[in-house]
Protein backbone atom coordinates (compact mmCIF):
# COMPACT_ATOMS: atom_id res chain seq x y z
CA MET A 1 115.40 107.97 98.51
CA LEU A 2 113.74 110.01 95.82
CA PHE A 3 114.55 113.69 95.31
CA PRO A 4 114.79 115.97 92.27
CA LYS A 5 118.13 116.40 90.49
CA LYS A 6 117.69 120.14 90.02
CA VAL A 7 115.09 122.64 91.24
CA LYS A 8 114.23 126.13 90.05
CA TYR A 9 113.52 127.45 93.56
CA ARG A 10 115.35 126.08 96.59
CA LYS A 11 112.55 126.81 99.09
CA TRP A 12 108.80 126.82 98.41
CA HIS A 13 105.87 128.41 100.18
CA THR A 14 104.31 126.04 102.69
CA MET A 15 100.96 126.00 100.83
CA ARG A 16 98.73 125.57 103.83
CA GLU A 17 95.35 124.71 102.41
CA ASN A 18 92.02 123.87 103.94
CA PRO A 19 91.51 120.17 103.16
CA LYS A 20 87.75 120.75 103.02
CA LYS A 21 88.19 123.19 100.13
CA VAL A 22 90.64 121.06 98.16
CA GLY A 23 88.72 118.73 95.87
CA PRO A 24 89.55 115.16 94.88
CA ALA A 25 92.18 114.38 92.27
CA THR A 26 91.20 114.42 88.61
CA ARG A 27 94.46 113.00 87.21
CA GLY A 28 96.18 109.77 88.20
CA ILE A 29 93.00 108.19 89.56
CA LYS A 30 93.00 104.97 87.52
CA VAL A 31 95.30 101.95 87.62
CA SER A 32 97.28 102.38 84.39
CA PHE A 33 100.36 100.14 84.54
CA GLY A 34 99.68 97.23 86.90
CA SER A 35 96.79 95.01 87.88
CA HIS A 36 96.28 96.39 91.41
CA GLY A 37 96.92 99.82 92.91
CA LEU A 38 97.12 101.63 96.25
CA LYS A 39 94.86 104.68 96.23
CA ALA A 40 94.84 107.56 98.74
CA ILE A 41 91.43 108.30 100.27
CA THR A 42 92.46 111.42 102.20
CA PRO A 43 94.77 114.24 101.01
CA GLY A 44 98.17 114.80 102.57
CA ARG A 45 101.92 115.10 102.16
CA ILE A 46 104.12 112.04 101.83
CA ASN A 47 107.84 112.50 102.25
CA SER A 48 110.51 110.53 100.41
CA ARG A 49 111.32 108.32 103.43
CA GLN A 50 107.71 107.16 103.65
CA ILE A 51 107.60 106.41 99.91
CA GLU A 52 110.81 104.39 100.19
CA SER A 53 109.63 102.40 103.23
CA ALA A 54 106.34 101.57 101.47
CA ARG A 55 108.23 100.51 98.35
CA LYS A 56 110.49 98.23 100.39
CA ALA A 57 107.50 96.64 102.16
CA ILE A 58 105.70 96.04 98.86
CA THR A 59 108.70 94.57 97.00
CA ARG A 60 109.71 92.39 99.95
CA ASN A 61 106.26 90.81 100.10
CA LEU A 62 105.85 90.50 96.30
CA GLY A 63 108.89 88.38 95.62
CA LYS A 64 110.89 88.20 92.41
CA THR A 65 107.98 87.84 90.02
CA GLY A 66 106.14 91.08 90.87
CA ARG A 67 106.78 94.55 89.50
CA VAL A 68 106.10 97.85 91.31
CA TRP A 69 105.35 101.29 89.86
CA ILE A 70 105.62 104.43 92.00
CA ARG A 71 103.13 106.97 90.65
CA ILE A 72 104.08 109.88 92.96
CA PHE A 73 107.34 111.83 93.10
CA PRO A 74 108.55 114.04 95.98
CA ASP A 75 109.42 117.36 94.33
CA MET A 76 108.26 119.80 97.02
CA PRO A 77 110.98 120.79 99.54
CA TYR A 78 110.10 121.17 103.21
CA THR A 79 112.21 123.05 105.74
CA LYS A 80 112.90 122.68 109.44
CA LYS A 81 114.71 124.87 111.92
CA PRO A 82 117.23 123.27 114.30
CA ALA A 83 116.25 122.32 117.84
CA GLU A 84 116.27 125.05 120.52
CA VAL A 85 116.56 127.96 118.06
CA LYS A 86 114.63 131.16 118.75
CA MET A 87 111.84 132.38 116.49
CA GLY A 88 112.72 134.64 113.58
CA LYS A 89 115.98 134.85 111.63
CA GLY A 90 114.42 133.55 108.42
CA LYS A 91 113.25 130.21 107.13
CA GLY A 92 114.96 126.97 108.14
CA ASP A 93 117.18 124.71 106.08
CA ILE A 94 115.76 122.11 103.70
CA GLU A 95 114.98 118.91 105.60
CA GLY A 96 113.84 116.82 102.63
CA TYR A 97 111.31 116.52 99.83
CA CYS A 98 107.67 115.49 99.88
CA ALA A 99 104.86 114.78 97.43
CA ARG A 100 101.40 116.34 97.68
CA VAL A 101 98.74 113.65 97.35
CA LEU A 102 95.09 114.43 96.71
CA ALA A 103 92.18 112.19 97.60
CA GLY A 104 91.65 109.55 94.93
CA GLN A 105 95.21 109.53 93.60
CA VAL A 106 96.89 106.18 92.86
CA MET A 107 100.29 106.06 94.58
CA PHE A 108 101.62 102.55 93.88
CA GLU A 109 100.80 99.87 91.30
CA VAL A 110 101.68 96.18 91.26
CA ASP A 111 101.68 93.59 88.49
CA GLY A 112 103.01 90.09 87.85
CA ALA A 113 101.76 88.51 91.09
CA LEU A 114 98.69 86.56 92.11
CA ALA A 115 95.77 88.68 93.32
CA PRO A 116 95.99 87.68 97.04
CA VAL A 117 99.76 88.31 97.10
CA ALA A 118 99.36 91.70 95.36
CA ILE A 119 96.58 92.77 97.74
CA GLU A 120 98.58 91.72 100.82
CA SER A 121 101.73 93.51 99.65
CA LEU A 122 99.79 96.73 98.92
CA ARG A 123 98.11 96.47 102.32
CA LYS A 124 101.53 96.32 103.98
CA GLY A 125 102.69 99.30 101.93
CA GLY A 126 99.56 101.24 102.88
CA THR A 127 100.39 100.92 106.57
CA LYS A 128 103.52 103.01 105.98
CA MET A 129 101.55 105.91 104.51
CA PRO A 130 100.35 108.91 106.58
CA VAL A 131 97.06 109.01 104.63
CA LYS A 132 94.15 106.58 104.56
CA THR A 133 94.42 104.19 101.65
CA LYS A 134 92.45 101.54 99.81
CA ILE A 135 93.41 98.85 97.31
CA VAL A 136 91.86 99.06 93.85
CA ALA A 137 91.95 96.63 90.93
CA ARG A 138 92.24 97.44 87.25
CA ILE A 139 88.84 97.76 85.59
């Protein structure tokens, strides 16, 4: 799974934002490396386990000829308190890392495969994501 080697701050603020006020992404919105890409339509957080499961689904369906690029990286830590613990007593321990994804951001890219195979593999990877996705081709 993906996680940063070193972080400046161990725990971050939760950054609760109103999704209606957060605009669409302005960077990382075009397919840059591959021929097809998986783009997020809605904003959300994607943890490292979900990124890894989507990557496995895409590479398994692509075969040996295809290449996959992961355009997001989970650098934001999220915490969780243990089960049956009372409120208070500070913030919980770090559970894992997640990536913030804005609407319109390309998450995965694929190249080296036929168009129907690339589209099907990205569709299978999109089912693992907690956000709505669509498949885009390089223009």
